[in-house]
Amino acid sequence: MKRTFTITRMLIASIGICACLLLTSPVVTSTKTTAVTTGSIKMVPFYWIVGIVGGSIAVTLTYVGWKKYKGEEKKKSDEDSDS
């Protein structure tokens, strides 16, 4: 249990570091930009944040659901072996 918790913390930390590196790097654009392109370029960090937060929530919910499923399965098998 403790090993899994450590791996999860390391994964979250590495995702955070990658996100910081990607978000702080300068965005290179051409000299010919339009208002639409400029507007979408400013939204790039927002999309990254939404993706990272949404992905983290999805991974967490998947992990919790899997642990719950395995726990119920083990509980069911323990009850069957006791009977």
N, C-alpha and C. Protein backbone atom coordinates (compact mmCIF):
# COMPACT_ATOMS: atom_id res chain seq x y z
N MET A 1 0.83 -1.19 0.00
CA MET A 1 0.00 0.00 0.00
C MET A 1 0.87 1.25 0.00
N LYS A 2 1.92 1.25 0.83
CA LYS A 2 2.78 2.42 0.93
C LYS A 2 3.56 2.63 -0.37
N ARG A 3 3.95 1.53 -1.03
CA ARG A 3 4.70 1.63 -2.27
C ARG A 3 3.82 2.27 -3.36
N THR A 4 2.57 1.86 -3.43
CA THR A 4 1.65 2.42 -4.42
C THR A 4 1.44 3.90 -4.18
N PHE A 5 1.31 4.29 -2.92
CA PHE A 5 1.13 5.69 -2.56
C PHE A 5 2.35 6.50 -2.99
N THR A 6 3.55 5.95 -2.79
CA THR A 6 4.78 6.63 -3.18
C THR A 6 4.85 6.77 -4.69
N ILE A 7 4.49 5.72 -5.42
CA ILE A 7 4.51 5.78 -6.88
C ILE A 7 3.53 6.83 -7.37
N THR A 8 2.36 6.89 -6.76
CA THR A 8 1.35 7.88 -7.15
C THR A 8 1.87 9.29 -6.91
N ARG A 9 2.50 9.52 -5.77
CA ARG A 9 3.05 10.84 -5.47
C ARG A 9 4.15 11.22 -6.45
N MET A 10 4.99 10.26 -6.84
CA MET A 10 6.06 10.52 -7.80
C MET A 10 5.48 10.86 -9.17
N LEU A 11 4.42 10.15 -9.56
CA LEU A 11 3.77 10.40 -10.84
C LEU A 11 3.17 11.80 -10.88
N ILE A 12 2.49 12.18 -9.83
CA ILE A 12 1.88 13.51 -9.76
C ILE A 12 2.96 14.59 -9.78
N ALA A 13 4.05 14.36 -9.07
CA ALA A 13 5.14 15.34 -9.05
C ALA A 13 5.77 15.48 -10.44
N SER A 14 5.98 14.37 -11.13
CA SER A 14 6.59 14.45 -12.47
C SER A 14 5.64 15.12 -13.47
N ILE A 15 4.33 14.89 -13.35
CA ILE A 15 3.38 15.57 -14.22
C ILE A 15 3.42 17.07 -13.94
N GLY A 16 3.49 17.44 -12.68
CA GLY A 16 3.56 18.86 -12.33
C GLY A 16 4.82 19.53 -12.86
N ILE A 17 5.94 18.86 -12.77
CA ILE A 17 7.19 19.41 -13.28
C ILE A 17 7.13 19.58 -14.79
N CYS A 18 6.61 18.57 -15.49
CA CYS A 18 6.47 18.66 -16.95
C CYS A 18 5.54 19.80 -17.33
N ALA A 19 4.45 19.94 -16.59
CA ALA A 19 3.50 21.01 -16.88
C ALA A 19 4.16 22.38 -16.70
N CYS A 20 4.92 22.54 -15.63
CA CYS A 20 5.61 23.81 -15.40
C CYS A 20 6.61 24.11 -16.50
N LEU A 21 7.35 23.10 -16.93
CA LEU A 21 8.31 23.32 -18.00
C LEU A 21 7.63 23.68 -19.32
N LEU A 22 6.53 23.02 -19.60
CA LEU A 22 5.82 23.30 -20.85
C LEU A 22 5.13 24.65 -20.83
N LEU A 23 4.58 25.02 -19.69
CA LEU A 23 3.82 26.26 -19.61
C LEU A 23 4.71 27.49 -19.52
N THR A 24 5.93 27.33 -19.02
CA THR A 24 6.81 28.49 -18.89
C THR A 24 7.68 28.70 -20.11
N SER A 25 7.69 27.76 -21.05
CA SER A 25 8.49 27.95 -22.26
C SER A 25 7.81 28.98 -23.16
N PRO A 26 8.59 29.79 -23.82
CA PRO A 26 7.98 30.83 -24.67
C PRO A 26 7.28 30.21 -25.88
N VAL A 27 6.18 30.82 -26.27
CA VAL A 27 5.45 30.36 -27.44
C VAL A 27 6.01 31.09 -28.66
N VAL A 28 6.48 30.33 -29.64
CA VAL A 28 7.07 30.91 -30.84
C VAL A 28 5.96 31.03 -31.88
N THR A 29 5.80 32.24 -32.41
CA THR A 29 4.80 32.47 -33.44
C THR A 29 5.46 33.15 -34.63
N SER A 30 4.78 33.12 -35.74
CA SER A 30 5.29 33.81 -36.92
C SER A 30 4.97 35.30 -36.80
N THR A 31 5.58 36.09 -37.66
CA THR A 31 5.33 37.53 -37.61
C THR A 31 3.98 37.88 -38.19
N LYS A 32 3.41 37.02 -39.00
CA LYS A 32 2.10 37.28 -39.60
C LYS A 32 1.04 36.54 -38.77
N THR A 33 0.49 37.21 -37.81
CA THR A 33 -0.55 36.61 -36.98
C THR A 33 -1.82 37.42 -37.12
N THR A 34 -2.92 36.76 -36.91
CA THR A 34 -4.20 37.45 -36.94
C THR A 34 -4.77 37.48 -35.53
N ALA A 35 -5.86 38.20 -35.38
CA ALA A 35 -6.49 38.33 -34.06
C ALA A 35 -6.99 36.98 -33.56
N VAL A 36 -7.47 36.14 -34.48
CA VAL A 36 -7.98 34.82 -34.08
C VAL A 36 -6.85 33.95 -33.57
N THR A 37 -5.72 33.97 -34.28
CA THR A 37 -4.57 33.17 -33.87
C THR A 37 -4.03 33.66 -32.53
N THR A 38 -3.94 34.96 -32.35
CA THR A 38 -3.44 35.51 -31.10
C THR A 38 -4.35 35.10 -29.94
N GLY A 39 -5.64 35.12 -30.16
CA GLY A 39 -6.58 34.73 -29.11
C GLY A 39 -6.42 33.28 -28.73
N SER A 40 -6.19 32.41 -29.70
CA SER A 40 -6.05 30.99 -29.39
C SER A 40 -4.71 30.69 -28.73
N ILE A 41 -3.68 31.47 -29.06
CA ILE A 41 -2.37 31.25 -28.45
C ILE A 41 -2.42 31.58 -26.96
N LYS A 42 -3.15 32.59 -26.59
CA LYS A 42 -3.25 32.95 -25.18
C LYS A 42 -4.03 31.90 -24.39
N MET A 43 -4.84 31.10 -25.07
CA MET A 43 -5.62 30.07 -24.39
C MET A 43 -4.85 28.76 -24.21
N VAL A 44 -3.68 28.63 -24.82
CA VAL A 44 -2.92 27.39 -24.75
C VAL A 44 -2.64 26.98 -23.30
N PRO A 45 -2.15 27.85 -22.42
CA PRO A 45 -1.92 27.43 -21.04
C PRO A 45 -3.21 26.98 -20.35
N PHE A 46 -4.32 27.63 -20.67
CA PHE A 46 -5.59 27.22 -20.07
C PHE A 46 -5.94 25.79 -20.48
N TYR A 47 -5.74 25.46 -21.74
CA TYR A 47 -6.04 24.10 -22.21
C TYR A 47 -5.12 23.08 -21.55
N TRP A 48 -3.87 23.44 -21.34
CA TRP A 48 -2.95 22.53 -20.65
C TRP A 48 -3.41 22.29 -19.21
N ILE A 49 -3.81 23.34 -18.54
CA ILE A 49 -4.26 23.20 -17.16
C ILE A 49 -5.51 22.34 -17.10
N VAL A 50 -6.45 22.59 -18.01
CA VAL A 50 -7.67 21.78 -18.04
C VAL A 50 -7.33 20.32 -18.30
N GLY A 51 -6.43 20.08 -19.22
CA GLY A 51 -6.03 18.70 -19.53
C GLY A 51 -5.34 18.01 -18.37
N ILE A 52 -4.46 18.72 -17.70
CA ILE A 52 -3.73 18.13 -16.58
C ILE A 52 -4.67 17.86 -15.41
N VAL A 53 -5.49 18.85 -15.06
CA VAL A 53 -6.42 18.67 -13.94
C VAL A 53 -7.44 17.59 -14.26
N GLY A 54 -8.00 17.64 -15.46
CA GLY A 54 -8.98 16.62 -15.86
C GLY A 54 -8.37 15.23 -15.90
N GLY A 55 -7.16 15.14 -16.42
CA GLY A 55 -6.46 13.85 -16.46
C GLY A 55 -6.16 13.32 -15.07
N SER A 56 -5.74 14.21 -14.18
CA SER A 56 -5.46 13.78 -12.81
C SER A 56 -6.73 13.28 -12.12
N ILE A 57 -7.84 13.97 -12.35
CA ILE A 57 -9.11 13.53 -11.76
C ILE A 57 -9.51 12.18 -12.33
N ALA A 58 -9.36 12.01 -13.64
CA ALA A 58 -9.73 10.74 -14.27
C ALA A 58 -8.87 9.60 -13.75
N VAL A 59 -7.56 9.84 -13.63
CA VAL A 59 -6.66 8.79 -13.13
C VAL A 59 -7.00 8.45 -11.68
N THR A 60 -7.27 9.47 -10.87
CA THR A 60 -7.61 9.23 -9.46
C THR A 60 -8.90 8.45 -9.33
N LEU A 61 -9.92 8.83 -10.09
CA LEU A 61 -11.19 8.10 -10.01
C LEU A 61 -11.06 6.67 -10.51
N THR A 62 -10.26 6.47 -11.54
CA THR A 62 -10.02 5.11 -12.03
C THR A 62 -9.31 4.27 -10.97
N TYR A 63 -8.30 4.85 -10.34
CA TYR A 63 -7.56 4.13 -9.30
C TYR A 63 -8.46 3.79 -8.12
N VAL A 64 -9.26 4.74 -7.67
CA VAL A 64 -10.15 4.50 -6.53
C VAL A 64 -11.19 3.46 -6.88
N GLY A 65 -11.75 3.54 -8.07
CA GLY A 65 -12.72 2.54 -8.50
C GLY A 65 -12.12 1.15 -8.58
N TRP A 66 -10.90 1.05 -9.07
CA TRP A 66 -10.22 -0.25 -9.15
C TRP A 66 -9.96 -0.81 -7.76
N LYS A 67 -9.50 0.03 -6.85
CA LYS A 67 -9.25 -0.43 -5.48
C LYS A 67 -10.55 -0.88 -4.82
N LYS A 68 -11.63 -0.16 -5.04
CA LYS A 68 -12.92 -0.54 -4.47
C LYS A 68 -13.36 -1.87 -5.04
N TYR A 69 -13.22 -2.05 -6.35
CA TYR A 69 -13.60 -3.31 -6.99
C TYR A 69 -12.79 -4.47 -6.42
N LYS A 70 -11.48 -4.30 -6.30
CA LYS A 70 -10.63 -5.37 -5.77
C LYS A 70 -10.97 -5.64 -4.31
N GLY A 71 -11.26 -4.60 -3.52
CA GLY A 71 -11.62 -4.79 -2.12
C GLY A 71 -12.93 -5.55 -1.97
N GLU A 72 -13.93 -5.20 -2.78
CA GLU A 72 -15.20 -5.92 -2.73
C GLU A 72 -15.03 -7.36 -3.19
N GLU A 73 -14.19 -7.56 -4.19
CA GLU A 73 -13.93 -8.92 -4.68
C GLU A 73 -13.25 -9.76 -3.59
N LYS A 74 -12.28 -9.16 -2.89
CA LYS A 74 -11.59 -9.88 -1.82
C LYS A 74 -12.54 -10.16 -0.67
N LYS A 75 -13.38 -9.19 -0.32
CA LYS A 75 -14.34 -9.36 0.76
C LYS A 75 -15.31 -10.49 0.41
N LYS A 76 -15.75 -10.52 -0.84
CA LYS A 76 -16.67 -11.56 -1.28
C LYS A 76 -16.01 -12.94 -1.22
N SER A 77 -14.75 -13.04 -1.63
CA SER A 77 -14.06 -14.31 -1.59
C SER A 77 -13.77 -14.76 -0.15
N ASP A 78 -13.51 -13.78 0.74
CA ASP A 78 -13.30 -14.10 2.14
C ASP A 78 -14.59 -14.62 2.77
N GLU A 79 -15.73 -14.02 2.42
CA GLU A 79 -17.02 -14.48 2.95
C GLU A 79 -17.35 -15.87 2.43
N ASP A 80 -17.01 -16.14 1.18
CA ASP A 80 -17.27 -17.46 0.60
C ASP A 80 -16.40 -18.53 1.24
N SER A 81 -15.15 -18.18 1.56
CA SER A 81 -14.26 -19.17 2.19
C SER A 81 -14.62 -19.41 3.65
N ASP A 82 -15.24 -18.44 4.32
CA ASP A 82 -15.66 -18.60 5.71
C ASP A 82 -16.91 -19.50 5.81
N SER A 83 -17.73 -19.48 4.80
CA SER A 83 -18.99 -20.25 4.83
C SER A 83 -18.78 -21.70 4.61
